[in-house]
């Protein structure tokens, strides 16, 4: 059985259960948007001083 990420339509809380832990509303299946590494800021300046 694969775990599916679910989101509460009422409060926006993400979890893996059929109902929201905060407001007890039925959750719906959703997907997680991964950030793209190429969109990350350049860290060369940060590590130059450390």
PDB file of N, CA and C in Angstrom:
ATOM      1  N   UNK A   1       0.844  -1.189   0.000  1.00  0.00           N
ATOM      2  CA  UNK A   1       0.000   0.000   0.000  1.00  0.00           C
ATOM      3  C   UNK A   1       0.885   1.247   0.000  1.00  0.00           C
ATOM      4  N   UNK A   2       0.677   2.113  -0.950  1.00  0.00           N
ATOM      5  CA  UNK A   2       1.446   3.351  -1.030  1.00  0.00           C
ATOM      6  C   UNK A   2       0.767   4.438  -0.207  1.00  0.00           C
ATOM      7  N   UNK A   3       1.575   5.216   0.475  1.00  0.00           N
ATOM      8  CA  UNK A   3       1.031   6.337   1.240  1.00  0.00           C
ATOM      9  C   UNK A   3       0.767   7.493   0.285  1.00  0.00           C
ATOM     10  N   UNK A   4      -0.403   8.066   0.381  1.00  0.00           N
ATOM     11  CA  UNK A   4      -0.765   9.185  -0.484  1.00  0.00           C
ATOM     12  C   UNK A   4      -0.929  10.431   0.365  1.00  0.00           C
ATOM     13  N   UNK A   5      -0.320  11.508  -0.086  1.00  0.00           N
ATOM     14  CA  UNK A   5      -0.426  12.773   0.618  1.00  0.00           C
ATOM     15  C   UNK A   5      -1.828  13.331   0.441  1.00  0.00           C
ATOM     16  N   UNK A   6      -2.398  13.792   1.527  1.00  0.00           N
ATOM     17  CA  UNK A   6      -3.752  14.347   1.494  1.00  0.00           C
ATOM     18  C   UNK A   6      -3.739  15.738   2.101  1.00  0.00           C
ATOM     19  N   UNK A   7      -4.683  16.567   1.642  1.00  0.00           N
ATOM     20  CA  UNK A   7      -4.773  17.947   2.111  1.00  0.00           C
ATOM     21  C   UNK A   7      -6.204  18.246   2.521  1.00  0.00           C
ATOM     22  N   UNK A   8      -6.340  18.964   3.614  1.00  0.00           N
ATOM     23  CA  UNK A   8      -7.659  19.377   4.081  1.00  0.00           C
ATOM     24  C   UNK A   8      -8.100  20.588   3.264  1.00  0.00           C
ATOM     25  N   UNK A   9      -9.252  20.532   2.612  1.00  0.00           N
ATOM     26  CA  UNK A   9      -9.713  21.682   1.829  1.00  0.00           C
ATOM     27  C   UNK A   9     -10.127  22.861   2.704  1.00  0.00           C
ATOM     28  N   UNK A  10     -10.458  22.603   3.960  1.00  0.00           N
ATOM     29  CA  UNK A  10     -10.924  23.675   4.847  1.00  0.00           C
ATOM     30  C   UNK A  10      -9.767  24.492   5.427  1.00  0.00           C
ATOM     31  N   UNK A  11      -8.760  23.813   6.013  1.00  0.00           N
ATOM     32  CA  UNK A  11      -7.694  24.558   6.697  1.00  0.00           C
ATOM     33  C   UNK A  11      -6.348  24.482   5.985  1.00  0.00           C
ATOM     34  N   UNK A  12      -6.203  23.614   4.973  1.00  0.00           N
ATOM     35  CA  UNK A  12      -4.960  23.536   4.217  1.00  0.00           C
ATOM     36  C   UNK A  12      -3.883  22.681   4.862  1.00  0.00           C
ATOM     37  N   UNK A  13      -4.211  21.939   5.908  1.00  0.00           N
ATOM     38  CA  UNK A  13      -3.254  21.070   6.609  1.00  0.00           C
ATOM     39  C   UNK A  13      -2.965  19.832   5.761  1.00  0.00           C
ATOM     40  N   UNK A  14      -1.681  19.437   5.659  1.00  0.00           N
ATOM     41  CA  UNK A  14      -1.286  18.232   4.932  1.00  0.00           C
ATOM     42  C   UNK A  14      -1.112  17.085   5.911  1.00  0.00           C
ATOM     43  N   UNK A  15      -1.562  15.878   5.545  1.00  0.00           N
ATOM     44  CA  UNK A  15      -1.342  14.681   6.349  1.00  0.00           C
ATOM     45  C   UNK A  15      -1.581  13.446   5.494  1.00  0.00           C
ATOM     46  N   UNK A  16      -1.543  12.275   6.114  1.00  0.00           N
ATOM     47  CA  UNK A  16      -1.734  11.017   5.392  1.00  0.00           C
ATOM     48  C   UNK A  16      -3.035  10.328   5.770  1.00  0.00           C
ATOM     49  N   UNK A  17      -3.872  10.963   6.557  1.00  0.00           N
ATOM     50  CA  UNK A  17      -5.099  10.341   7.053  1.00  0.00           C
ATOM     51  C   UNK A  17      -6.311  10.737   6.215  1.00  0.00           C
ATOM     52  N   UNK A  18      -7.420  10.036   6.429  1.00  0.00           N
ATOM     53  CA  UNK A  18      -8.659  10.295   5.689  1.00  0.00           C
ATOM     54  C   UNK A  18      -9.388  11.542   6.182  1.00  0.00           C
ATOM     55  N   UNK A  19      -9.133  11.938   7.431  1.00  0.00           N
ATOM     56  CA  UNK A  19      -9.780  13.141   7.965  1.00  0.00           C
ATOM     57  C   UNK A  19      -8.736  14.020   8.646  1.00  0.00           C
ATOM     58  N   UNK A  20      -8.964  15.315   8.614  1.00  0.00           N
ATOM     59  CA  UNK A  20      -8.034  16.297   9.170  1.00  0.00           C
ATOM     60  C   UNK A  20      -7.997  16.194  10.694  1.00  0.00           C
ATOM     61  N   UNK A  21      -6.796  16.274  11.247  1.00  0.00           N
ATOM     62  CA  UNK A  21      -6.650  16.205  12.697  1.00  0.00           C
ATOM     63  C   UNK A  21      -7.089  17.498  13.373  1.00  0.00           C
ATOM     64  N   UNK A  22      -6.988  18.623  12.654  1.00  0.00           N
ATOM     65  CA  UNK A  22      -7.349  19.917  13.241  1.00  0.00           C
ATOM     66  C   UNK A  22      -8.854  20.153  13.244  1.00  0.00           C
ATOM     67  N   UNK A  23      -9.458  20.053  12.062  1.00  0.00           N
ATOM     68  CA  UNK A  23     -10.870  20.438  11.948  1.00  0.00           C
ATOM     69  C   UNK A  23     -11.803  19.266  11.642  1.00  0.00           C
ATOM     70  N   UNK A  24     -11.266  18.046  11.530  1.00  0.00           N
ATOM     71  CA  UNK A  24     -12.054  16.817  11.323  1.00  0.00           C
ATOM     72  C   UNK A  24     -12.789  16.761   9.987  1.00  0.00           C
ATOM     73  N   UNK A  25     -12.385  17.583   9.018  1.00  0.00           N
ATOM     74  CA  UNK A  25     -12.975  17.566   7.683  1.00  0.00           C
ATOM     75  C   UNK A  25     -12.352  16.428   6.874  1.00  0.00           C
ATOM     76  N   UNK A  26     -13.088  15.865   5.931  1.00  0.00           N
ATOM     77  CA  UNK A  26     -12.564  14.805   5.066  1.00  0.00           C
ATOM     78  C   UNK A  26     -11.492  15.394   4.153  1.00  0.00           C
ATOM     79  N   UNK A  27     -10.343  14.726   4.062  1.00  0.00           N
ATOM     80  CA  UNK A  27      -9.240  15.220   3.247  1.00  0.00           C
ATOM     81  C   UNK A  27      -9.353  14.721   1.811  1.00  0.00           C
ATOM     82  N   UNK A  28      -8.677  15.395   0.901  1.00  0.00           N
ATOM     83  CA  UNK A  28      -8.652  15.018  -0.509  1.00  0.00           C
ATOM     84  C   UNK A  28      -7.203  14.751  -0.919  1.00  0.00           C
ATOM     85  N   UNK A  29      -7.017  13.899  -1.941  1.00  0.00           N
ATOM     86  CA  UNK A  29      -5.666  13.597  -2.410  1.00  0.00           C
ATOM     87  C   UNK A  29      -5.058  14.831  -3.056  1.00  0.00           C
ATOM     88  N   UNK A  30      -3.770  14.993  -2.868  1.00  0.00           N
ATOM     89  CA  UNK A  30      -3.057  16.134  -3.430  1.00  0.00           C
ATOM     90  C   UNK A  30      -1.665  15.683  -3.841  1.00  0.00           C
ATOM     91  N   UNK A  31      -0.888  16.566  -4.373  1.00  0.00           N
ATOM     92  CA  UNK A  31       0.495  16.255  -4.713  1.00  0.00           C
ATOM     93  C   UNK A  31       1.398  17.312  -4.097  1.00  0.00           C
ATOM     94  N   UNK A  32       2.642  16.951  -3.904  1.00  0.00           N
ATOM     95  CA  UNK A  32       3.622  17.855  -3.322  1.00  0.00           C
ATOM     96  C   UNK A  32       4.458  18.435  -4.442  1.00  0.00           C
ATOM     97  N   UNK A  33       4.602  19.733  -4.468  1.00  0.00           N
ATOM     98  CA  UNK A  33       5.409  20.380  -5.493  1.00  0.00           C
ATOM     99  C   UNK A  33       6.845  20.480  -4.992  1.00  0.00           C
ATOM    100  N   UNK A  34       7.761  19.838  -5.701  1.00  0.00           N
ATOM    101  CA  UNK A  34       9.172  19.881  -5.327  1.00  0.00           C
ATOM    102  C   UNK A  34       9.800  21.150  -5.894  1.00  0.00           C
ATOM    103  N   UNK A  35      10.631  21.785  -5.094  1.00  0.00           N
ATOM    104  CA  UNK A  35      11.359  22.951  -5.575  1.00  0.00           C
ATOM    105  C   UNK A  35      12.451  22.492  -6.530  1.00  0.00           C
ATOM    106  N   UNK A  36      12.690  23.259  -7.549  1.00  0.00           N
ATOM    107  CA  UNK A  36      13.723  22.907  -8.506  1.00  0.00           C
ATOM    108  C   UNK A  36      15.057  23.461  -8.010  1.00  0.00           C
ATOM    109  N   UNK A  37      16.084  22.628  -8.045  1.00  0.00           N
ATOM    110  CA  UNK A  37      17.401  23.031  -7.557  1.00  0.00           C
ATOM    111  C   UNK A  37      17.945  24.185  -8.392  1.00  0.00           C
ATOM    112  N   UNK A  38      17.676  24.192  -9.666  1.00  0.00           N
ATOM    113  CA  UNK A  38      18.218  25.249 -10.516  1.00  0.00           C
ATOM    114  C   UNK A  38      17.626  26.620 -10.178  1.00  0.00           C
ATOM    115  N   UNK A  39      16.484  26.645  -9.477  1.00  0.00           N
ATOM    116  CA  UNK A  39      15.885  27.911  -9.080  1.00  0.00           C
ATOM    117  C   UNK A  39      16.443  28.430  -7.755  1.00  0.00           C
ATOM    118  N   UNK A  40      17.297  27.640  -7.102  1.00  0.00           N
ATOM    119  CA  UNK A  40      17.860  28.041  -5.812  1.00  0.00           C
ATOM    120  C   UNK A  40      18.892  29.148  -6.027  1.00  0.00           C
ATOM    121  N   UNK A  41      19.033  30.064  -5.069  1.00  0.00           N
ATOM    122  CA  UNK A  41      20.031  31.130  -5.213  1.00  0.00           C
ATOM    123  C   UNK A  41      21.448  30.561  -5.159  1.00  0.00           C
ATOM    124  N   UNK A  42      22.379  31.248  -5.755  1.00  0.00           N
ATOM    125  CA  UNK A  42      23.771  30.831  -5.775  1.00  0.00           C
ATOM    126  C   UNK A  42      24.352  30.952  -4.367  1.00  0.00           C
ATOM    127  N   UNK A  43      24.980  29.896  -3.868  1.00  0.00           N
ATOM    128  CA  UNK A  43      25.499  29.900  -2.501  1.00  0.00           C
ATOM    129  C   UNK A  43      26.997  30.179  -2.429  1.00  0.00           C
ATOM    130  N   UNK A  44      27.659  30.472  -3.545  1.00  0.00           N
ATOM    131  CA  UNK A  44      29.101  30.720  -3.527  1.00  0.00           C
ATOM    132  C   UNK A  44      29.466  31.901  -2.641  1.00  0.00           C
ATOM    133  N   UNK A  45      28.695  32.965  -2.699  1.00  0.00           N
ATOM    134  CA  UNK A  45      28.966  34.144  -1.869  1.00  0.00           C
ATOM    135  C   UNK A  45      28.801  33.826  -0.389  1.00  0.00           C
ATOM    136  N   UNK A  46      27.839  32.997  -0.039  1.00  0.00           N
ATOM    137  CA  UNK A  46      27.594  32.651   1.360  1.00  0.00           C
ATOM    138  C   UNK A  46      28.756  31.847   1.937  1.00  0.00           C
ATOM    139  N   UNK A  47      29.235  30.851   1.206  1.00  0.00           N
ATOM    140  CA  UNK A  47      30.283  29.976   1.721  1.00  0.00           C
ATOM    141  C   UNK A  47      31.678  30.575   1.606  1.00  0.00           C
ATOM    142  N   UNK A  48      31.834  31.670   0.881  1.00  0.00           N
ATOM    143  CA  UNK A  48      33.140  32.304   0.734  1.00  0.00           C
ATOM    144  C   UNK A  48      33.643  32.828   2.078  1.00  0.00           C
ATOM    145  N   UNK A  49      32.748  33.363   2.916  1.00  0.00           N
ATOM    146  CA  UNK A  49      33.136  33.949   4.196  1.00  0.00           C
ATOM    147  C   UNK A  49      33.111  32.953   5.340  1.00  0.00           C
ATOM    148  N   UNK A  50      32.606  31.760   5.140  1.00  0.00           N
ATOM    149  CA  UNK A  50      32.463  30.808   6.254  1.00  0.00           C
ATOM    150  C   UNK A  50      33.527  29.750   6.239  1.00  0.00           C
TER     151      UNK A  50
END
